[in-house]
Amino acid sequence: TKNVYVDLGYLGIQKEYKFLSLKIPFKKPKKSKKNPYPSLTLEQKNYNKSISKKRVFVENAIAGIKRYHILINKYRGKSKEKFDESIELCAGLWNFKIDFKKKITC
């Protein structure tokens, strides 16, 4: 089974798409008169940490691809295939950079 890890920006994703296993972190409760000091339980905090440990690699890869400004700037080309190829090229460059760093540190 494939797990899908998302952050709190995707709270409505359950209504839009169907997943076998969707992992969303717990949101801190809002402050109210009944609950003046809202906090997450220790189990919820540990669950959130486990999700963030897995998502950090994806977030770093997206940030690395954004360094090439393909995802930042508006694509003005007419061909969707060229846009896909340019993103694949940027992802390949990012993967090459990661592999190159691993070889140097070994």
N, C-alpha and C. Protein backbone atom coordinates (compact mmCIF):
# COMPACT_ATOMS: atom_id res chain seq x y z
N THR A 1 0.84 -1.19 0.00
CA THR A 1 0.00 0.00 0.00
C THR A 1 0.87 1.23 0.00
N LYS A 2 0.47 2.22 -0.73
CA LYS A 2 1.19 3.48 -0.82
C LYS A 2 0.65 4.44 0.22
N ASN A 3 1.55 5.04 0.96
CA ASN A 3 1.18 6.07 1.92
C ASN A 3 1.35 7.43 1.27
N VAL A 4 0.42 8.32 1.50
CA VAL A 4 0.49 9.69 0.99
C VAL A 4 0.64 10.59 2.20
N TYR A 5 1.75 11.34 2.25
CA TYR A 5 2.02 12.24 3.35
C TYR A 5 1.81 13.67 2.88
N VAL A 6 0.96 14.41 3.56
CA VAL A 6 0.70 15.80 3.22
C VAL A 6 0.83 16.65 4.47
N ASP A 7 0.93 17.97 4.28
CA ASP A 7 0.99 18.85 5.44
C ASP A 7 -0.38 19.47 5.68
N LEU A 8 -0.46 20.35 6.65
CA LEU A 8 -1.75 20.91 7.05
C LEU A 8 -2.36 21.84 6.00
N GLY A 9 -1.62 22.16 4.96
CA GLY A 9 -2.16 22.96 3.88
C GLY A 9 -3.14 22.19 3.01
N TYR A 10 -3.22 20.89 3.19
CA TYR A 10 -4.07 20.03 2.36
C TYR A 10 -5.20 19.41 3.17
N LEU A 11 -5.80 20.15 4.06
CA LEU A 11 -6.83 19.58 4.93
C LEU A 11 -8.06 19.09 4.15
N GLY A 12 -8.36 19.68 3.02
CA GLY A 12 -9.52 19.26 2.25
C GLY A 12 -9.25 18.18 1.24
N ILE A 13 -8.06 17.62 1.27
CA ILE A 13 -7.68 16.65 0.24
C ILE A 13 -8.48 15.36 0.34
N GLN A 14 -8.98 15.01 1.54
CA GLN A 14 -9.76 13.78 1.69
C GLN A 14 -11.06 13.86 0.91
N LYS A 15 -11.63 15.05 0.80
CA LYS A 15 -12.89 15.21 0.08
C LYS A 15 -12.69 15.18 -1.43
N GLU A 16 -11.51 15.64 -1.88
CA GLU A 16 -11.25 15.74 -3.31
C GLU A 16 -10.77 14.43 -3.94
N TYR A 17 -9.94 13.69 -3.20
CA TYR A 17 -9.32 12.48 -3.75
C TYR A 17 -9.53 11.31 -2.81
N LYS A 18 -9.45 10.12 -3.37
CA LYS A 18 -9.57 8.90 -2.58
C LYS A 18 -8.18 8.26 -2.46
N PHE A 19 -7.75 8.01 -1.23
CA PHE A 19 -6.45 7.40 -0.96
C PHE A 19 -6.63 6.14 -0.14
N LEU A 20 -5.73 5.18 -0.33
CA LEU A 20 -5.73 4.00 0.52
C LEU A 20 -5.22 4.36 1.92
N SER A 21 -4.16 5.16 1.95
CA SER A 21 -3.57 5.53 3.23
C SER A 21 -3.09 6.98 3.15
N LEU A 22 -3.81 7.87 3.79
CA LEU A 22 -3.47 9.29 3.79
C LEU A 22 -2.98 9.68 5.18
N LYS A 23 -1.81 10.30 5.24
CA LYS A 23 -1.21 10.69 6.51
C LYS A 23 -1.17 12.22 6.60
N ILE A 24 -2.00 12.78 7.49
CA ILE A 24 -2.05 14.23 7.72
C ILE A 24 -1.71 14.46 9.18
N PRO A 25 -0.83 15.43 9.47
CA PRO A 25 -0.50 15.69 10.87
C PRO A 25 -1.69 16.28 11.62
N PHE A 26 -1.63 16.16 12.93
CA PHE A 26 -2.68 16.72 13.77
C PHE A 26 -2.50 18.23 13.88
N LYS A 27 -3.60 18.94 13.90
CA LYS A 27 -3.58 20.38 14.04
C LYS A 27 -3.78 20.74 15.51
N LYS A 28 -3.05 21.74 15.96
CA LYS A 28 -3.19 22.18 17.34
C LYS A 28 -4.58 22.78 17.53
N PRO A 29 -5.28 22.42 18.63
CA PRO A 29 -6.62 22.97 18.85
C PRO A 29 -6.57 24.48 19.07
N LYS A 30 -7.68 25.13 18.76
CA LYS A 30 -7.76 26.57 18.94
C LYS A 30 -7.97 26.92 20.41
N LYS A 31 -7.48 28.08 20.77
CA LYS A 31 -7.64 28.56 22.14
C LYS A 31 -9.08 29.02 22.34
N SER A 32 -9.68 28.63 23.47
CA SER A 32 -11.05 29.02 23.78
C SER A 32 -11.19 29.17 25.29
N LYS A 33 -12.36 29.56 25.72
CA LYS A 33 -12.59 29.68 27.15
C LYS A 33 -12.53 28.33 27.84
N LYS A 34 -13.05 27.31 27.17
CA LYS A 34 -13.01 25.96 27.74
C LYS A 34 -11.59 25.37 27.69
N ASN A 35 -10.83 25.76 26.71
CA ASN A 35 -9.48 25.23 26.54
C ASN A 35 -8.50 26.40 26.43
N PRO A 36 -8.12 27.03 27.54
CA PRO A 36 -7.27 28.23 27.47
C PRO A 36 -5.82 27.94 27.09
N TYR A 37 -5.35 26.71 27.30
CA TYR A 37 -3.97 26.35 26.96
C TYR A 37 -3.99 25.12 26.05
N PRO A 38 -4.29 25.34 24.77
CA PRO A 38 -4.40 24.18 23.87
C PRO A 38 -3.02 23.58 23.57
N SER A 39 -2.99 22.27 23.49
CA SER A 39 -1.76 21.59 23.10
C SER A 39 -2.12 20.20 22.57
N LEU A 40 -1.16 19.63 21.88
CA LEU A 40 -1.32 18.28 21.36
C LEU A 40 -0.85 17.28 22.42
N THR A 41 -1.40 16.09 22.35
CA THR A 41 -0.94 15.04 23.27
C THR A 41 0.44 14.57 22.82
N LEU A 42 1.13 13.85 23.67
CA LEU A 42 2.45 13.34 23.35
C LEU A 42 2.39 12.37 22.16
N GLU A 43 1.33 11.56 22.08
CA GLU A 43 1.17 10.64 20.95
C GLU A 43 0.99 11.41 19.65
N GLN A 44 0.20 12.49 19.68
CA GLN A 44 -0.02 13.30 18.48
C GLN A 44 1.28 13.99 18.05
N LYS A 45 2.06 14.48 19.01
CA LYS A 45 3.33 15.11 18.68
C LYS A 45 4.29 14.11 18.05
N ASN A 46 4.34 12.90 18.59
CA ASN A 46 5.21 11.87 18.02
C ASN A 46 4.76 11.48 16.61
N TYR A 47 3.46 11.40 16.39
CA TYR A 47 2.92 11.10 15.07
C TYR A 47 3.31 12.20 14.07
N ASN A 48 3.17 13.46 14.49
CA ASN A 48 3.54 14.58 13.63
C ASN A 48 5.04 14.55 13.30
N LYS A 49 5.86 14.19 14.27
CA LYS A 49 7.30 14.12 14.03
C LYS A 49 7.63 13.02 13.04
N SER A 50 6.96 11.88 13.16
CA SER A 50 7.23 10.78 12.23
C SER A 50 6.84 11.16 10.80
N ILE A 51 5.76 11.89 10.65
CA ILE A 51 5.36 12.34 9.32
C ILE A 51 6.35 13.35 8.77
N SER A 52 6.77 14.29 9.59
CA SER A 52 7.67 15.34 9.11
C SER A 52 9.05 14.78 8.76
N LYS A 53 9.48 13.72 9.44
CA LYS A 53 10.77 13.10 9.11
C LYS A 53 10.74 12.51 7.71
N LYS A 54 9.60 12.00 7.29
CA LYS A 54 9.49 11.41 5.95
C LYS A 54 9.28 12.48 4.88
N ARG A 55 8.60 13.57 5.25
CA ARG A 55 8.29 14.61 4.27
C ARG A 55 9.45 15.56 4.01
N VAL A 56 10.41 15.64 4.93
CA VAL A 56 11.47 16.61 4.80
C VAL A 56 12.30 16.38 3.53
N PHE A 57 12.49 15.13 3.12
CA PHE A 57 13.25 14.85 1.91
C PHE A 57 12.53 15.35 0.66
N VAL A 58 11.22 15.19 0.64
CA VAL A 58 10.43 15.66 -0.50
C VAL A 58 10.45 17.19 -0.55
N GLU A 59 10.27 17.83 0.60
CA GLU A 59 10.27 19.29 0.65
C GLU A 59 11.63 19.85 0.20
N ASN A 60 12.72 19.21 0.61
CA ASN A 60 14.04 19.66 0.18
C ASN A 60 14.24 19.48 -1.31
N ALA A 61 13.70 18.40 -1.86
CA ALA A 61 13.82 18.18 -3.31
C ALA A 61 13.03 19.23 -4.08
N ILE A 62 11.84 19.56 -3.61
CA ILE A 62 11.04 20.61 -4.28
C ILE A 62 11.77 21.94 -4.22
N ALA A 63 12.35 22.25 -3.05
CA ALA A 63 13.11 23.50 -2.93
C ALA A 63 14.32 23.49 -3.85
N GLY A 64 14.96 22.34 -4.00
CA GLY A 64 16.11 22.25 -4.90
C GLY A 64 15.73 22.46 -6.35
N ILE A 65 14.59 21.92 -6.76
CA ILE A 65 14.12 22.12 -8.13
C ILE A 65 13.73 23.57 -8.34
N LYS A 66 13.18 24.21 -7.32
CA LYS A 66 12.79 25.61 -7.45
C LYS A 66 13.99 26.52 -7.65
N ARG A 67 15.17 26.07 -7.27
CA ARG A 67 16.38 26.87 -7.49
C ARG A 67 16.65 27.12 -8.96
N TYR A 68 16.14 26.25 -9.80
CA TYR A 68 16.31 26.42 -11.24
C TYR A 68 15.23 27.31 -11.84
N HIS A 69 14.34 27.83 -11.05
CA HIS A 69 13.30 28.80 -11.40
C HIS A 69 12.29 28.28 -12.42
N ILE A 70 12.20 26.97 -12.60
CA ILE A 70 11.19 26.40 -13.49
C ILE A 70 9.82 26.46 -12.84
N LEU A 71 9.76 26.13 -11.56
CA LEU A 71 8.47 26.12 -10.87
C LEU A 71 8.10 27.49 -10.32
N ILE A 72 9.03 28.41 -10.29
CA ILE A 72 8.76 29.73 -9.71
C ILE A 72 8.16 30.66 -10.76
N ASN A 73 8.80 30.74 -11.90
CA ASN A 73 8.35 31.67 -12.94
C ASN A 73 7.25 31.04 -13.79
N LYS A 74 6.45 31.87 -14.40
CA LYS A 74 5.38 31.40 -15.28
C LYS A 74 5.99 30.83 -16.56
N TYR A 75 5.54 29.66 -16.95
CA TYR A 75 6.00 29.04 -18.18
C TYR A 75 5.23 29.65 -19.34
N ARG A 76 5.93 30.20 -20.30
CA ARG A 76 5.28 30.91 -21.40
C ARG A 76 5.32 30.11 -22.71
N GLY A 77 5.82 28.92 -22.66
CA GLY A 77 5.87 28.10 -23.86
C GLY A 77 4.50 27.55 -24.21
N LYS A 78 4.38 27.04 -25.45
CA LYS A 78 3.11 26.52 -25.91
C LYS A 78 3.00 25.01 -25.72
N SER A 79 4.13 24.36 -25.57
CA SER A 79 4.14 22.90 -25.51
C SER A 79 4.22 22.42 -24.06
N LYS A 80 3.25 21.63 -23.66
CA LYS A 80 3.28 21.06 -22.32
C LYS A 80 4.39 20.03 -22.20
N GLU A 81 4.71 19.34 -23.30
CA GLU A 81 5.78 18.36 -23.28
C GLU A 81 7.12 19.00 -22.96
N LYS A 82 7.37 20.18 -23.51
CA LYS A 82 8.63 20.90 -23.23
C LYS A 82 8.69 21.31 -21.77
N PHE A 83 7.57 21.69 -21.20
CA PHE A 83 7.53 22.05 -19.78
C PHE A 83 7.84 20.83 -18.92
N ASP A 84 7.24 19.70 -19.27
CA ASP A 84 7.51 18.46 -18.53
C ASP A 84 8.98 18.05 -18.65
N GLU A 85 9.53 18.19 -19.86
CA GLU A 85 10.94 17.85 -20.07
C GLU A 85 11.85 18.75 -19.25
N SER A 86 11.51 20.03 -19.17
CA SER A 86 12.36 20.95 -18.41
C SER A 86 12.30 20.65 -16.92
N ILE A 87 11.14 20.25 -16.41
CA ILE A 87 11.05 19.86 -14.99
C ILE A 87 11.82 18.58 -14.75
N GLU A 88 11.73 17.62 -15.67
CA GLU A 88 12.50 16.39 -15.54
C GLU A 88 13.99 16.68 -15.55
N LEU A 89 14.41 17.61 -16.39
CA LEU A 89 15.81 17.99 -16.45
C LEU A 89 16.26 18.60 -15.12
N CYS A 90 15.45 19.47 -14.56
CA CYS A 90 15.79 20.08 -13.27
C CYS A 90 15.83 19.03 -12.16
N ALA A 91 14.88 18.10 -12.18
CA ALA A 91 14.88 17.03 -11.18
C ALA A 91 16.13 16.15 -11.35
N GLY A 92 16.52 15.89 -12.58
CA GLY A 92 17.73 15.12 -12.83
C GLY A 92 18.97 15.84 -12.35
N LEU A 93 19.04 17.15 -12.57
CA LEU A 93 20.17 17.93 -12.07
C LEU A 93 20.22 17.92 -10.54
N TRP A 94 19.06 18.03 -9.92
CA TRP A 94 19.02 17.99 -8.46
C TRP A 94 19.48 16.62 -7.95
N ASN A 95 19.00 15.54 -8.57
CA ASN A 95 19.42 14.20 -8.16
C ASN A 95 20.92 14.00 -8.38
N PHE A 96 21.44 14.54 -9.47
CA PHE A 96 22.88 14.46 -9.72
C PHE A 96 23.65 15.19 -8.63
N LYS A 97 23.17 16.34 -8.23
CA LYS A 97 23.83 17.10 -7.17
C LYS A 97 23.82 16.32 -5.86
N ILE A 98 22.71 15.70 -5.52
CA ILE A 98 22.60 14.90 -4.29
C ILE A 98 23.56 13.71 -4.35
N ASP A 99 23.58 12.99 -5.49
CA ASP A 99 24.48 11.84 -5.63
C ASP A 99 25.93 12.26 -5.58
N PHE A 100 26.25 13.41 -6.17
CA PHE A 100 27.62 13.91 -6.18
C PHE A 100 28.08 14.22 -4.76
N LYS A 101 27.20 14.82 -3.96
CA LYS A 101 27.53 15.11 -2.56
C LYS A 101 27.77 13.83 -1.78
N LYS A 102 26.97 12.78 -2.05
CA LYS A 102 27.13 11.50 -1.35
C LYS A 102 28.47 10.88 -1.68
N LYS A 103 28.90 10.98 -2.95
CA LYS A 103 30.16 10.37 -3.36
C LYS A 103 31.35 11.11 -2.75
N ILE A 104 31.23 12.41 -2.57
CA ILE A 104 32.33 13.19 -2.00
C ILE A 104 32.49 12.88 -0.53
N THR A 105 31.37 12.75 0.20
CA THR A 105 31.44 12.52 1.63
C THR A 105 31.81 11.09 1.99
N CYS A 106 31.68 10.15 1.05
CA CYS A 106 31.99 8.74 1.38
C CYS A 106 33.46 8.48 1.47
